[in-house]
Amino acid sequence: MGRYRDGKDTTDQYRRIDVRSLRRYGYLRPGASFTLRWSCNGVETGSIHGCTTSNSVVLSYRHQPWGSDEWQLQEYPVELVRTPCHYGGERTWFLCPARGCRRRVAILYGGGIYACRRCHQLVYKSQREQSHDRALRRTQAIRMKLGGSANMLEPFPAKPTGMHWRTYQRLQLEAGGAESRAWPPWLLRCIQSNS
């Protein structure tokens, strides 16, 4: 895994377990068990097994520490907590199992142990993007939300049926502003010097 200048990896470089997905598939019922598998180009690269109790998920997997040829079996419980939602129901969270953390999180990232992103010192990929890259991604997201293509060479999409004109015009203005910020500074300097 490549590291960035400040030494922090990004969250998309790590395997993850999302408590919301586990709940959606019914894996958080006491007595339920599950196996999550990860693959790359059709080849399995990892798997983890979990068994749910009334207040925890017991994770079981094999892990190979850095610089070692030996595989170690890891098995430990991750505590679950539930918080009430404003309009009824409840939301389930993991308590980070890393020593001294116990932060309430929705996603745990793999490593020696599955822990929150702060314990693994991970950042989001978007935090490593330059401002023009974020602006381009925002413009493309608006175009696709309106039913168009992310291709900036295609005309801006027409207003979708059922969308209020005010909403469409707001998105159109936001996309235009983001598009104007999507040019890399080196390219703007080049264009300005040739003018």
N, C-alpha and C. Protein backbone atom coordinates (compact mmCIF):
# COMPACT_ATOMS: atom_id res chain seq x y z
N MET A 1 0.83 -1.17 0.00
CA MET A 1 0.00 0.00 0.00
C MET A 1 0.88 1.24 0.00
N GLY A 2 0.70 2.10 -1.01
CA GLY A 2 1.50 3.30 -1.08
C GLY A 2 1.10 4.32 -0.04
N ARG A 3 2.10 5.01 0.50
CA ARG A 3 1.82 6.04 1.50
C ARG A 3 1.96 7.41 0.85
N TYR A 4 1.21 8.36 1.38
CA TYR A 4 1.28 9.72 0.90
C TYR A 4 2.35 10.48 1.67
N ARG A 5 2.56 11.73 1.31
CA ARG A 5 3.61 12.53 1.92
C ARG A 5 3.56 12.55 3.44
N ASP A 6 2.39 12.64 4.03
CA ASP A 6 2.32 12.72 5.49
C ASP A 6 2.29 11.33 6.13
N GLY A 7 2.46 10.26 5.32
CA GLY A 7 2.56 8.92 5.86
C GLY A 7 1.24 8.24 6.13
N LYS A 8 0.12 8.81 5.73
CA LYS A 8 -1.17 8.20 6.02
C LYS A 8 -1.75 7.54 4.79
N ASP A 9 -2.20 6.30 4.96
CA ASP A 9 -2.90 5.60 3.90
C ASP A 9 -4.34 6.11 3.82
N THR A 10 -5.04 5.73 2.75
CA THR A 10 -6.43 6.13 2.61
C THR A 10 -7.34 4.94 2.92
N THR A 11 -8.59 5.25 3.28
CA THR A 11 -9.54 4.22 3.70
C THR A 11 -9.84 3.22 2.59
N ASP A 12 -9.77 3.65 1.33
CA ASP A 12 -10.11 2.72 0.25
C ASP A 12 -9.01 1.70 -0.02
N GLN A 13 -7.88 1.79 0.67
CA GLN A 13 -6.80 0.82 0.52
C GLN A 13 -6.95 -0.35 1.51
N TYR A 14 -7.94 -0.30 2.37
CA TYR A 14 -8.10 -1.30 3.43
C TYR A 14 -9.43 -2.04 3.28
N ARG A 15 -9.43 -3.28 3.73
CA ARG A 15 -10.69 -4.03 3.81
C ARG A 15 -11.54 -3.39 4.90
N ARG A 16 -12.84 -3.48 4.72
CA ARG A 16 -13.73 -2.82 5.67
C ARG A 16 -14.93 -3.66 6.00
N ILE A 17 -15.45 -3.45 7.21
CA ILE A 17 -16.68 -4.08 7.64
C ILE A 17 -17.62 -2.96 8.03
N ASP A 18 -18.78 -2.90 7.40
CA ASP A 18 -19.75 -1.83 7.64
C ASP A 18 -20.92 -2.40 8.42
N VAL A 19 -21.17 -1.85 9.61
CA VAL A 19 -22.25 -2.35 10.47
C VAL A 19 -23.61 -2.16 9.81
N ARG A 20 -23.76 -1.13 8.98
CA ARG A 20 -25.04 -0.89 8.29
C ARG A 20 -25.35 -2.00 7.30
N SER A 21 -24.33 -2.49 6.58
CA SER A 21 -24.53 -3.60 5.65
C SER A 21 -24.86 -4.88 6.41
N LEU A 22 -24.17 -5.12 7.52
CA LEU A 22 -24.46 -6.31 8.31
C LEU A 22 -25.90 -6.30 8.80
N ARG A 23 -26.36 -5.14 9.22
CA ARG A 23 -27.74 -5.03 9.69
C ARG A 23 -28.72 -5.25 8.53
N ARG A 24 -28.44 -4.64 7.40
CA ARG A 24 -29.32 -4.75 6.24
C ARG A 24 -29.52 -6.20 5.82
N TYR A 25 -28.47 -7.02 5.92
CA TYR A 25 -28.55 -8.42 5.52
C TYR A 25 -28.97 -9.34 6.66
N GLY A 26 -29.31 -8.76 7.81
CA GLY A 26 -29.81 -9.57 8.92
C GLY A 26 -28.73 -10.29 9.72
N TYR A 27 -27.47 -9.88 9.57
CA TYR A 27 -26.37 -10.55 10.26
C TYR A 27 -26.18 -10.09 11.70
N LEU A 28 -26.95 -9.10 12.16
CA LEU A 28 -26.78 -8.62 13.53
C LEU A 28 -27.78 -9.24 14.50
N ARG A 29 -28.58 -10.18 14.01
CA ARG A 29 -29.49 -10.90 14.92
C ARG A 29 -28.66 -11.85 15.77
N PRO A 30 -28.94 -11.95 17.08
CA PRO A 30 -28.19 -12.89 17.91
C PRO A 30 -28.27 -14.30 17.34
N GLY A 31 -27.13 -14.96 17.26
CA GLY A 31 -27.06 -16.31 16.71
C GLY A 31 -26.73 -16.36 15.23
N ALA A 32 -26.79 -15.21 14.55
CA ALA A 32 -26.49 -15.18 13.11
C ALA A 32 -24.98 -15.29 12.90
N SER A 33 -24.60 -15.88 11.79
CA SER A 33 -23.18 -15.92 11.43
C SER A 33 -23.05 -15.54 9.95
N PHE A 34 -21.88 -15.08 9.59
CA PHE A 34 -21.66 -14.60 8.22
C PHE A 34 -20.18 -14.77 7.87
N THR A 35 -19.92 -14.76 6.57
CA THR A 35 -18.55 -14.73 6.06
C THR A 35 -18.49 -13.66 4.98
N LEU A 36 -17.57 -12.73 5.13
CA LEU A 36 -17.33 -11.69 4.13
C LEU A 36 -16.07 -12.07 3.37
N ARG A 37 -16.12 -11.90 2.05
CA ARG A 37 -14.97 -12.25 1.21
C ARG A 37 -14.59 -11.05 0.34
N TRP A 38 -13.29 -10.87 0.12
CA TRP A 38 -12.78 -9.83 -0.75
C TRP A 38 -12.02 -10.49 -1.87
N SER A 39 -12.10 -9.90 -3.07
CA SER A 39 -11.38 -10.47 -4.21
C SER A 39 -10.83 -9.36 -5.09
N CYS A 40 -9.87 -9.73 -5.91
CA CYS A 40 -9.28 -8.81 -6.88
C CYS A 40 -9.13 -9.59 -8.18
N ASN A 41 -9.75 -9.12 -9.24
CA ASN A 41 -9.72 -9.80 -10.54
C ASN A 41 -10.16 -11.25 -10.45
N GLY A 42 -11.19 -11.49 -9.65
CA GLY A 42 -11.75 -12.82 -9.53
C GLY A 42 -11.00 -13.76 -8.60
N VAL A 43 -9.91 -13.29 -8.00
CA VAL A 43 -9.12 -14.12 -7.09
C VAL A 43 -9.38 -13.64 -5.66
N GLU A 44 -9.79 -14.56 -4.79
CA GLU A 44 -10.07 -14.19 -3.40
C GLU A 44 -8.79 -13.73 -2.71
N THR A 45 -8.86 -12.55 -2.09
CA THR A 45 -7.70 -11.99 -1.40
C THR A 45 -7.85 -12.00 0.11
N GLY A 46 -9.03 -12.31 0.60
CA GLY A 46 -9.23 -12.35 2.04
C GLY A 46 -10.66 -12.68 2.40
N SER A 47 -10.84 -13.14 3.63
CA SER A 47 -12.18 -13.41 4.13
C SER A 47 -12.17 -13.28 5.64
N ILE A 48 -13.34 -13.06 6.21
CA ILE A 48 -13.50 -12.94 7.64
C ILE A 48 -14.83 -13.57 8.02
N HIS A 49 -14.84 -14.25 9.14
CA HIS A 49 -16.05 -14.90 9.62
C HIS A 49 -16.52 -14.15 10.86
N GLY A 50 -17.83 -14.03 11.01
CA GLY A 50 -18.38 -13.36 12.18
C GLY A 50 -19.56 -14.12 12.75
N CYS A 51 -19.68 -14.12 14.07
CA CYS A 51 -20.83 -14.69 14.78
C CYS A 51 -21.38 -13.60 15.68
N THR A 52 -22.68 -13.39 15.64
CA THR A 52 -23.29 -12.32 16.40
C THR A 52 -23.91 -12.83 17.69
N THR A 53 -23.64 -12.13 18.79
CA THR A 53 -24.30 -12.39 20.07
C THR A 53 -25.27 -11.23 20.30
N SER A 54 -25.86 -11.16 21.47
CA SER A 54 -26.82 -10.09 21.72
C SER A 54 -26.18 -8.70 21.76
N ASN A 55 -24.90 -8.62 22.13
CA ASN A 55 -24.29 -7.29 22.21
C ASN A 55 -22.89 -7.22 21.57
N SER A 56 -22.55 -8.19 20.71
CA SER A 56 -21.24 -8.13 20.05
C SER A 56 -21.23 -8.98 18.79
N VAL A 57 -20.20 -8.77 18.02
CA VAL A 57 -19.90 -9.62 16.86
C VAL A 57 -18.50 -10.17 17.10
N VAL A 58 -18.37 -11.49 17.08
CA VAL A 58 -17.06 -12.12 17.27
C VAL A 58 -16.45 -12.33 15.88
N LEU A 59 -15.34 -11.65 15.63
CA LEU A 59 -14.65 -11.74 14.35
C LEU A 59 -13.58 -12.80 14.42
N SER A 60 -13.44 -13.56 13.33
CA SER A 60 -12.45 -14.63 13.27
C SER A 60 -11.84 -14.63 11.86
N TYR A 61 -10.51 -14.51 11.80
CA TYR A 61 -9.82 -14.48 10.51
C TYR A 61 -8.34 -14.78 10.72
N ARG A 62 -7.66 -15.05 9.61
CA ARG A 62 -6.21 -15.26 9.65
C ARG A 62 -5.53 -13.99 9.16
N HIS A 63 -4.42 -13.66 9.81
CA HIS A 63 -3.69 -12.42 9.51
C HIS A 63 -2.21 -12.72 9.42
N GLN A 64 -1.54 -12.13 8.43
CA GLN A 64 -0.10 -12.30 8.29
C GLN A 64 0.58 -10.97 8.61
N PRO A 65 1.27 -10.89 9.76
CA PRO A 65 1.93 -9.63 10.13
C PRO A 65 3.01 -9.24 9.12
N TRP A 66 3.32 -7.94 9.05
CA TRP A 66 4.35 -7.45 8.14
C TRP A 66 5.66 -8.15 8.42
N GLY A 67 6.32 -8.58 7.36
CA GLY A 67 7.64 -9.18 7.47
C GLY A 67 7.66 -10.60 7.99
N SER A 68 6.51 -11.23 8.11
CA SER A 68 6.44 -12.58 8.64
C SER A 68 5.84 -13.51 7.59
N ASP A 69 6.30 -14.75 7.60
CA ASP A 69 5.72 -15.76 6.71
C ASP A 69 4.62 -16.55 7.41
N GLU A 70 4.49 -16.34 8.70
CA GLU A 70 3.53 -17.08 9.51
C GLU A 70 2.16 -16.39 9.52
N TRP A 71 1.13 -17.20 9.45
CA TRP A 71 -0.23 -16.70 9.56
C TRP A 71 -0.69 -16.88 11.01
N GLN A 72 -1.38 -15.87 11.54
CA GLN A 72 -1.89 -15.93 12.90
C GLN A 72 -3.41 -15.90 12.87
N LEU A 73 -4.03 -16.72 13.71
CA LEU A 73 -5.47 -16.70 13.83
C LEU A 73 -5.85 -15.58 14.79
N GLN A 74 -6.73 -14.71 14.36
CA GLN A 74 -7.24 -13.63 15.19
C GLN A 74 -8.70 -13.93 15.49
N GLU A 75 -9.09 -13.81 16.74
CA GLU A 75 -10.50 -13.99 17.11
C GLU A 75 -10.76 -13.13 18.33
N TYR A 76 -11.70 -12.21 18.20
CA TYR A 76 -12.03 -11.31 19.29
C TYR A 76 -13.42 -10.72 19.08
N PRO A 77 -14.07 -10.31 20.17
CA PRO A 77 -15.40 -9.70 20.03
C PRO A 77 -15.29 -8.20 19.76
N VAL A 78 -16.23 -7.70 18.98
CA VAL A 78 -16.39 -6.26 18.78
C VAL A 78 -17.75 -5.90 19.35
N GLU A 79 -17.74 -5.05 20.35
CA GLU A 79 -18.98 -4.71 21.04
C GLU A 79 -19.89 -3.89 20.13
N LEU A 80 -21.20 -4.14 20.26
CA LEU A 80 -22.22 -3.38 19.52
C LEU A 80 -22.97 -2.49 20.51
N VAL A 81 -23.25 -1.27 20.10
CA VAL A 81 -24.11 -0.39 20.90
C VAL A 81 -25.22 0.11 19.99
N ARG A 82 -26.33 0.41 20.60
CA ARG A 82 -27.49 0.89 19.84
C ARG A 82 -27.93 2.24 20.39
N THR A 83 -28.22 3.16 19.47
CA THR A 83 -28.71 4.47 19.88
C THR A 83 -30.07 4.70 19.24
N PRO A 84 -30.98 5.38 19.97
CA PRO A 84 -32.31 5.62 19.40
C PRO A 84 -32.25 6.68 18.30
N CYS A 85 -33.10 6.51 17.30
CA CYS A 85 -33.24 7.50 16.23
C CYS A 85 -34.34 8.48 16.62
N HIS A 86 -34.32 9.67 16.09
CA HIS A 86 -35.29 10.71 16.45
C HIS A 86 -36.73 10.32 16.14
N TYR A 87 -36.95 9.60 15.06
CA TYR A 87 -38.32 9.26 14.65
C TYR A 87 -38.62 7.79 14.87
N GLY A 88 -38.00 7.20 15.85
CA GLY A 88 -38.25 5.79 16.17
C GLY A 88 -37.18 4.89 15.62
N GLY A 89 -37.15 3.69 16.12
CA GLY A 89 -36.14 2.72 15.70
C GLY A 89 -34.82 2.98 16.40
N GLU A 90 -33.81 2.30 15.95
CA GLU A 90 -32.50 2.47 16.56
C GLU A 90 -31.41 2.26 15.52
N ARG A 91 -30.25 2.80 15.81
CA ARG A 91 -29.09 2.66 14.94
C ARG A 91 -28.03 1.85 15.69
N THR A 92 -27.40 0.93 14.99
CA THR A 92 -26.38 0.07 15.60
C THR A 92 -24.99 0.57 15.20
N TRP A 93 -24.07 0.52 16.15
CA TRP A 93 -22.69 0.96 15.95
C TRP A 93 -21.72 -0.10 16.47
N PHE A 94 -20.51 -0.09 15.92
CA PHE A 94 -19.41 -0.84 16.51
C PHE A 94 -18.75 0.06 17.55
N LEU A 95 -18.22 -0.53 18.62
CA LEU A 95 -17.29 0.18 19.49
C LEU A 95 -15.91 -0.30 19.06
N CYS A 96 -15.04 0.61 18.66
CA CYS A 96 -13.72 0.24 18.16
C CYS A 96 -13.00 -0.62 19.20
N PRO A 97 -12.53 -1.82 18.79
CA PRO A 97 -11.89 -2.73 19.73
C PRO A 97 -10.42 -2.42 20.03
N ALA A 98 -9.85 -1.40 19.39
CA ALA A 98 -8.45 -1.08 19.64
C ALA A 98 -8.27 -0.63 21.09
N ARG A 99 -7.15 -0.99 21.66
CA ARG A 99 -6.88 -0.68 23.06
C ARG A 99 -6.97 0.83 23.31
N GLY A 100 -7.82 1.23 24.25
CA GLY A 100 -7.94 2.62 24.65
C GLY A 100 -8.82 3.47 23.75
N CYS A 101 -9.47 2.91 22.76
CA CYS A 101 -10.27 3.73 21.83
C CYS A 101 -11.75 3.73 22.21
N ARG A 102 -12.43 2.64 21.93
CA ARG A 102 -13.87 2.49 22.17
C ARG A 102 -14.71 3.59 21.51
N ARG A 103 -14.24 4.11 20.38
CA ARG A 103 -15.00 5.11 19.62
C ARG A 103 -16.17 4.42 18.93
N ARG A 104 -17.31 5.07 18.90
CA ARG A 104 -18.50 4.53 18.24
C ARG A 104 -18.39 4.83 16.75
N VAL A 105 -18.36 3.76 15.92
CA VAL A 105 -18.16 3.92 14.48
C VAL A 105 -19.06 2.97 13.70
N ALA A 106 -19.30 3.30 12.43
CA ALA A 106 -20.09 2.44 11.55
C ALA A 106 -19.20 1.49 10.76
N ILE A 107 -17.93 1.86 10.57
CA ILE A 107 -17.04 1.07 9.72
C ILE A 107 -15.75 0.76 10.48
N LEU A 108 -15.34 -0.49 10.38
CA LEU A 108 -14.04 -0.92 10.90
C LEU A 108 -13.16 -1.29 9.72
N TYR A 109 -11.88 -0.93 9.80
CA TYR A 109 -10.92 -1.19 8.72
C TYR A 109 -9.93 -2.26 9.16
N GLY A 110 -9.58 -3.15 8.22
CA GLY A 110 -8.69 -4.26 8.51
C GLY A 110 -7.25 -3.86 8.67
N GLY A 111 -6.52 -4.67 9.38
CA GLY A 111 -5.09 -4.50 9.66
C GLY A 111 -4.74 -5.66 10.57
N GLY A 112 -3.88 -5.42 11.55
CA GLY A 112 -3.64 -6.45 12.56
C GLY A 112 -4.93 -6.80 13.27
N ILE A 113 -5.71 -5.75 13.57
CA ILE A 113 -7.08 -5.92 14.07
C ILE A 113 -7.97 -5.01 13.25
N TYR A 114 -9.26 -5.28 13.29
CA TYR A 114 -10.21 -4.38 12.64
C TYR A 114 -10.51 -3.27 13.63
N ALA A 115 -10.24 -2.02 13.21
CA ALA A 115 -10.38 -0.88 14.10
C ALA A 115 -10.86 0.32 13.29
N CYS A 116 -11.16 1.42 13.99
CA CYS A 116 -11.65 2.62 13.31
C CYS A 116 -10.52 3.27 12.50
N ARG A 117 -10.89 4.18 11.64
CA ARG A 117 -9.89 4.79 10.76
C ARG A 117 -8.89 5.64 11.53
N ARG A 118 -9.30 6.21 12.66
CA ARG A 118 -8.36 7.02 13.44
C ARG A 118 -7.29 6.15 14.09
N CYS A 119 -7.68 4.98 14.57
CA CYS A 119 -6.69 4.07 15.17
C CYS A 119 -5.69 3.58 14.12
N HIS A 120 -6.14 3.40 12.88
CA HIS A 120 -5.24 2.99 11.80
C HIS A 120 -4.58 4.20 11.13
N GLN A 121 -4.93 5.41 11.58
CA GLN A 121 -4.41 6.66 11.03
C GLN A 121 -4.66 6.76 9.53
N LEU A 122 -5.92 6.51 9.14
CA LEU A 122 -6.32 6.57 7.74
C LEU A 122 -7.03 7.87 7.45
N VAL A 123 -6.92 8.33 6.23
CA VAL A 123 -7.65 9.50 5.77
C VAL A 123 -8.52 9.07 4.60
N TYR A 124 -9.53 9.89 4.29
CA TYR A 124 -10.36 9.63 3.12
C TYR A 124 -9.62 10.04 1.86
N LYS A 125 -9.90 9.35 0.77
CA LYS A 125 -9.24 9.64 -0.50
C LYS A 125 -9.47 11.10 -0.91
N SER A 126 -10.67 11.61 -0.64
CA SER A 126 -10.99 12.99 -1.03
C SER A 126 -10.12 14.00 -0.29
N GLN A 127 -9.58 13.63 0.88
CA GLN A 127 -8.70 14.54 1.61
C GLN A 127 -7.34 14.66 0.94
N ARG A 128 -7.03 13.78 0.02
CA ARG A 128 -5.76 13.82 -0.70
C ARG A 128 -5.92 14.45 -2.08
N GLU A 129 -7.14 14.73 -2.48
CA GLU A 129 -7.38 15.32 -3.80
C GLU A 129 -7.04 16.81 -3.77
N GLN A 130 -6.62 17.30 -4.89
CA GLN A 130 -6.42 18.73 -5.01
C GLN A 130 -7.78 19.38 -5.27
N SER A 131 -7.88 20.66 -5.01
CA SER A 131 -9.18 21.35 -5.10
C SER A 131 -9.79 21.25 -6.50
N HIS A 132 -8.97 21.30 -7.56
CA HIS A 132 -9.54 21.21 -8.91
C HIS A 132 -10.09 19.81 -9.18
N ASP A 133 -9.49 18.78 -8.58
CA ASP A 133 -10.01 17.42 -8.74
C ASP A 133 -11.37 17.28 -8.05
N ARG A 134 -11.49 17.86 -6.85
CA ARG A 134 -12.78 17.82 -6.14
C ARG A 134 -13.85 18.56 -6.91
N ALA A 135 -13.49 19.71 -7.49
CA ALA A 135 -14.45 20.49 -8.26
C ALA A 135 -14.91 19.72 -9.50
N LEU A 136 -13.98 19.05 -10.17
CA LEU A 136 -14.35 18.25 -11.34
C LEU A 136 -15.28 17.11 -10.93
N ARG A 137 -14.94 16.43 -9.83
CA ARG A 137 -15.79 15.32 -9.37
C ARG A 137 -17.19 15.82 -9.01
N ARG A 138 -17.30 17.01 -8.41
CA ARG A 138 -18.61 17.57 -8.06
C ARG A 138 -19.41 17.90 -9.32
N THR A 139 -18.78 18.50 -10.31
CA THR A 139 -19.47 18.81 -11.56
C THR A 139 -19.99 17.54 -12.23
N GLN A 140 -19.16 16.52 -12.27
CA GLN A 140 -19.57 15.26 -12.89
C GLN A 140 -20.71 14.61 -12.11
N ALA A 141 -20.68 14.71 -10.78
CA ALA A 141 -21.74 14.13 -9.96
C ALA A 141 -23.07 14.83 -10.24
N ILE A 142 -23.06 16.14 -10.40
CA ILE A 142 -24.29 16.87 -10.70
C ILE A 142 -24.83 16.47 -12.07
N ARG A 143 -23.95 16.36 -13.05
CA ARG A 143 -24.38 15.96 -14.39
C ARG A 143 -25.04 14.58 -14.36
N MET A 144 -24.45 13.65 -13.62
CA MET A 144 -25.01 12.29 -13.56
C MET A 144 -26.32 12.28 -12.75
N LYS A 145 -26.41 13.13 -11.74
CA LYS A 145 -27.66 13.22 -10.95
C LYS A 145 -28.81 13.69 -11.84
N LEU A 146 -28.50 14.53 -12.82
CA LEU A 146 -29.52 15.03 -13.73
C LEU A 146 -29.80 14.08 -14.89
N GLY A 147 -29.16 12.91 -14.88
CA GLY A 147 -29.42 11.91 -15.91
C GLY A 147 -28.48 12.00 -17.09
N GLY A 148 -27.46 12.83 -16.98
CA GLY A 148 -26.50 12.97 -18.07
C GLY A 148 -25.28 12.11 -17.85
N SER A 149 -24.25 12.43 -18.61
CA SER A 149 -22.99 11.70 -18.55
C SER A 149 -21.97 12.52 -17.77
N ALA A 150 -20.96 11.87 -17.23
CA ALA A 150 -19.88 12.57 -16.54
C ALA A 150 -18.93 13.23 -17.54
N ASN A 151 -19.10 12.92 -18.82
CA ASN A 151 -18.24 13.47 -19.87
C ASN A 151 -18.47 14.98 -19.98
N MET A 152 -17.43 15.75 -19.72
CA MET A 152 -17.55 17.21 -19.74
C MET A 152 -17.66 17.77 -21.15
N LEU A 153 -17.40 16.96 -22.16
CA LEU A 153 -17.51 17.43 -23.54
C LEU A 153 -18.95 17.37 -24.06
N GLU A 154 -19.80 16.63 -23.37
CA GLU A 154 -21.21 16.55 -23.76
C GLU A 154 -21.97 17.75 -23.22
N PRO A 155 -23.08 18.11 -23.86
CA PRO A 155 -23.86 19.24 -23.37
C PRO A 155 -24.42 18.97 -21.97
N PHE A 156 -24.67 20.07 -21.24
CA PHE A 156 -25.23 19.93 -19.90
C PHE A 156 -26.62 19.29 -20.01
N PRO A 157 -26.95 18.34 -19.13
CA PRO A 157 -28.23 17.63 -19.23
C PRO A 157 -29.44 18.54 -19.07
N ALA A 158 -30.51 18.18 -19.75
CA ALA A 158 -31.78 18.92 -19.63
C ALA A 158 -32.42 18.62 -18.28
N LYS A 159 -33.37 19.45 -17.90
CA LYS A 159 -34.07 19.27 -16.63
C LYS A 159 -34.86 17.97 -16.66
N PRO A 160 -34.64 17.12 -15.66
CA PRO A 160 -35.41 15.86 -15.60
C PRO A 160 -36.89 16.13 -15.33
N THR A 161 -37.74 15.29 -15.84
CA THR A 161 -39.17 15.41 -15.61
C THR A 161 -39.45 15.29 -14.12
N GLY A 162 -40.25 16.19 -13.61
CA GLY A 162 -40.63 16.14 -12.20
C GLY A 162 -39.75 16.97 -11.30
N MET A 163 -38.61 17.45 -11.80
CA MET A 163 -37.74 18.27 -10.97
C MET A 163 -38.20 19.72 -11.04
N HIS A 164 -38.22 20.40 -9.92
CA HIS A 164 -38.59 21.82 -9.90
C HIS A 164 -37.53 22.63 -10.65
N TRP A 165 -38.00 23.67 -11.34
CA TRP A 165 -37.07 24.51 -12.08
C TRP A 165 -36.05 25.17 -11.16
N ARG A 166 -36.49 25.56 -9.97
CA ARG A 166 -35.59 26.21 -9.03
C ARG A 166 -34.44 25.26 -8.63
N THR A 167 -34.77 23.99 -8.42
CA THR A 167 -33.76 23.00 -8.09
C THR A 167 -32.79 22.80 -9.25
N TYR A 168 -33.33 22.70 -10.45
CA TYR A 168 -32.50 22.51 -11.64
C TYR A 168 -31.56 23.70 -11.83
N GLN A 169 -32.07 24.91 -11.68
CA GLN A 169 -31.24 26.10 -11.86
C GLN A 169 -30.16 26.20 -10.78
N ARG A 170 -30.49 25.79 -9.55
CA ARG A 170 -29.49 25.79 -8.47
C ARG A 170 -28.36 24.81 -8.80
N LEU A 171 -28.74 23.60 -9.27
CA LEU A 171 -27.73 22.60 -9.64
C LEU A 171 -26.90 23.07 -10.84
N GLN A 172 -27.56 23.73 -11.77
CA GLN A 172 -26.87 24.24 -12.96
C GLN A 172 -25.82 25.29 -12.55
N LEU A 173 -26.19 26.19 -11.64
CA LEU A 173 -25.26 27.21 -11.15
C LEU A 173 -24.10 26.57 -10.38
N GLU A 174 -24.44 25.59 -9.54
CA GLU A 174 -23.40 24.91 -8.75
C GLU A 174 -22.43 24.18 -9.66
N ALA A 175 -22.95 23.51 -10.69
CA ALA A 175 -22.09 22.79 -11.64
C ALA A 175 -21.20 23.77 -12.41
N GLY A 176 -21.77 24.91 -12.80
CA GLY A 176 -20.97 25.92 -13.52
C GLY A 176 -19.84 26.47 -12.67
N GLY A 177 -20.14 26.75 -11.40
CA GLY A 177 -19.10 27.24 -10.49
C GLY A 177 -18.02 26.21 -10.27
N ALA A 178 -18.43 24.95 -10.06
CA ALA A 178 -17.45 23.89 -9.85
C ALA A 178 -16.62 23.66 -11.10
N GLU A 179 -17.27 23.76 -12.28
CA GLU A 179 -16.55 23.55 -13.54
C GLU A 179 -15.48 24.62 -13.74
N SER A 180 -15.78 25.84 -13.32
CA SER A 180 -14.79 26.91 -13.47
C SER A 180 -13.59 26.70 -12.54
N ARG A 181 -13.78 25.96 -11.44
CA ARG A 181 -12.68 25.66 -10.51
C ARG A 181 -11.98 24.35 -10.85
N ALA A 182 -12.49 23.63 -11.86
CA ALA A 182 -11.96 22.30 -12.18
C ALA A 182 -10.73 22.32 -13.06
N TRP A 183 -10.29 23.49 -13.47
CA TRP A 183 -9.10 23.57 -14.31
C TRP A 183 -7.86 23.55 -13.43
N PRO A 184 -6.90 22.68 -13.70
CA PRO A 184 -5.66 22.66 -12.91
C PRO A 184 -4.92 24.00 -13.05
N PRO A 185 -4.33 24.50 -11.98
CA PRO A 185 -3.64 25.81 -12.03
C PRO A 185 -2.57 25.89 -13.11
N TRP A 186 -1.81 24.80 -13.33
CA TRP A 186 -0.76 24.84 -14.35
C TRP A 186 -1.34 25.07 -15.74
N LEU A 187 -2.54 24.52 -16.01
CA LEU A 187 -3.17 24.68 -17.31
C LEU A 187 -3.69 26.10 -17.47
N LEU A 188 -4.25 26.67 -16.41
CA LEU A 188 -4.72 28.06 -16.47
C LEU A 188 -3.55 29.01 -16.73
N ARG A 189 -2.42 28.78 -16.06
CA ARG A 189 -1.25 29.63 -16.30
C ARG A 189 -0.77 29.52 -17.75
N CYS A 190 -0.82 28.30 -18.28
CA CYS A 190 -0.40 28.08 -19.66
C CYS A 190 -1.32 28.80 -20.63
N ILE A 191 -2.63 28.72 -20.39
CA ILE A 191 -3.61 29.38 -21.24
C ILE A 191 -3.45 30.90 -21.17
N GLN A 192 -3.27 31.41 -19.95
CA GLN A 192 -3.12 32.86 -19.77
C GLN A 192 -1.84 33.40 -20.42
N SER A 193 -0.78 32.63 -20.36
CA SER A 193 0.49 33.09 -20.95
C SER A 193 0.44 33.08 -22.48
N ASN A 194 -0.43 32.24 -23.05
CA ASN A 194 -0.55 32.18 -24.50
C ASN A 194 -1.57 33.17 -25.04
N SER A 195 -2.30 33.83 -24.14
CA SER A 195 -3.33 34.80 -24.58
C SER A 195 -2.72 36.10 -24.99
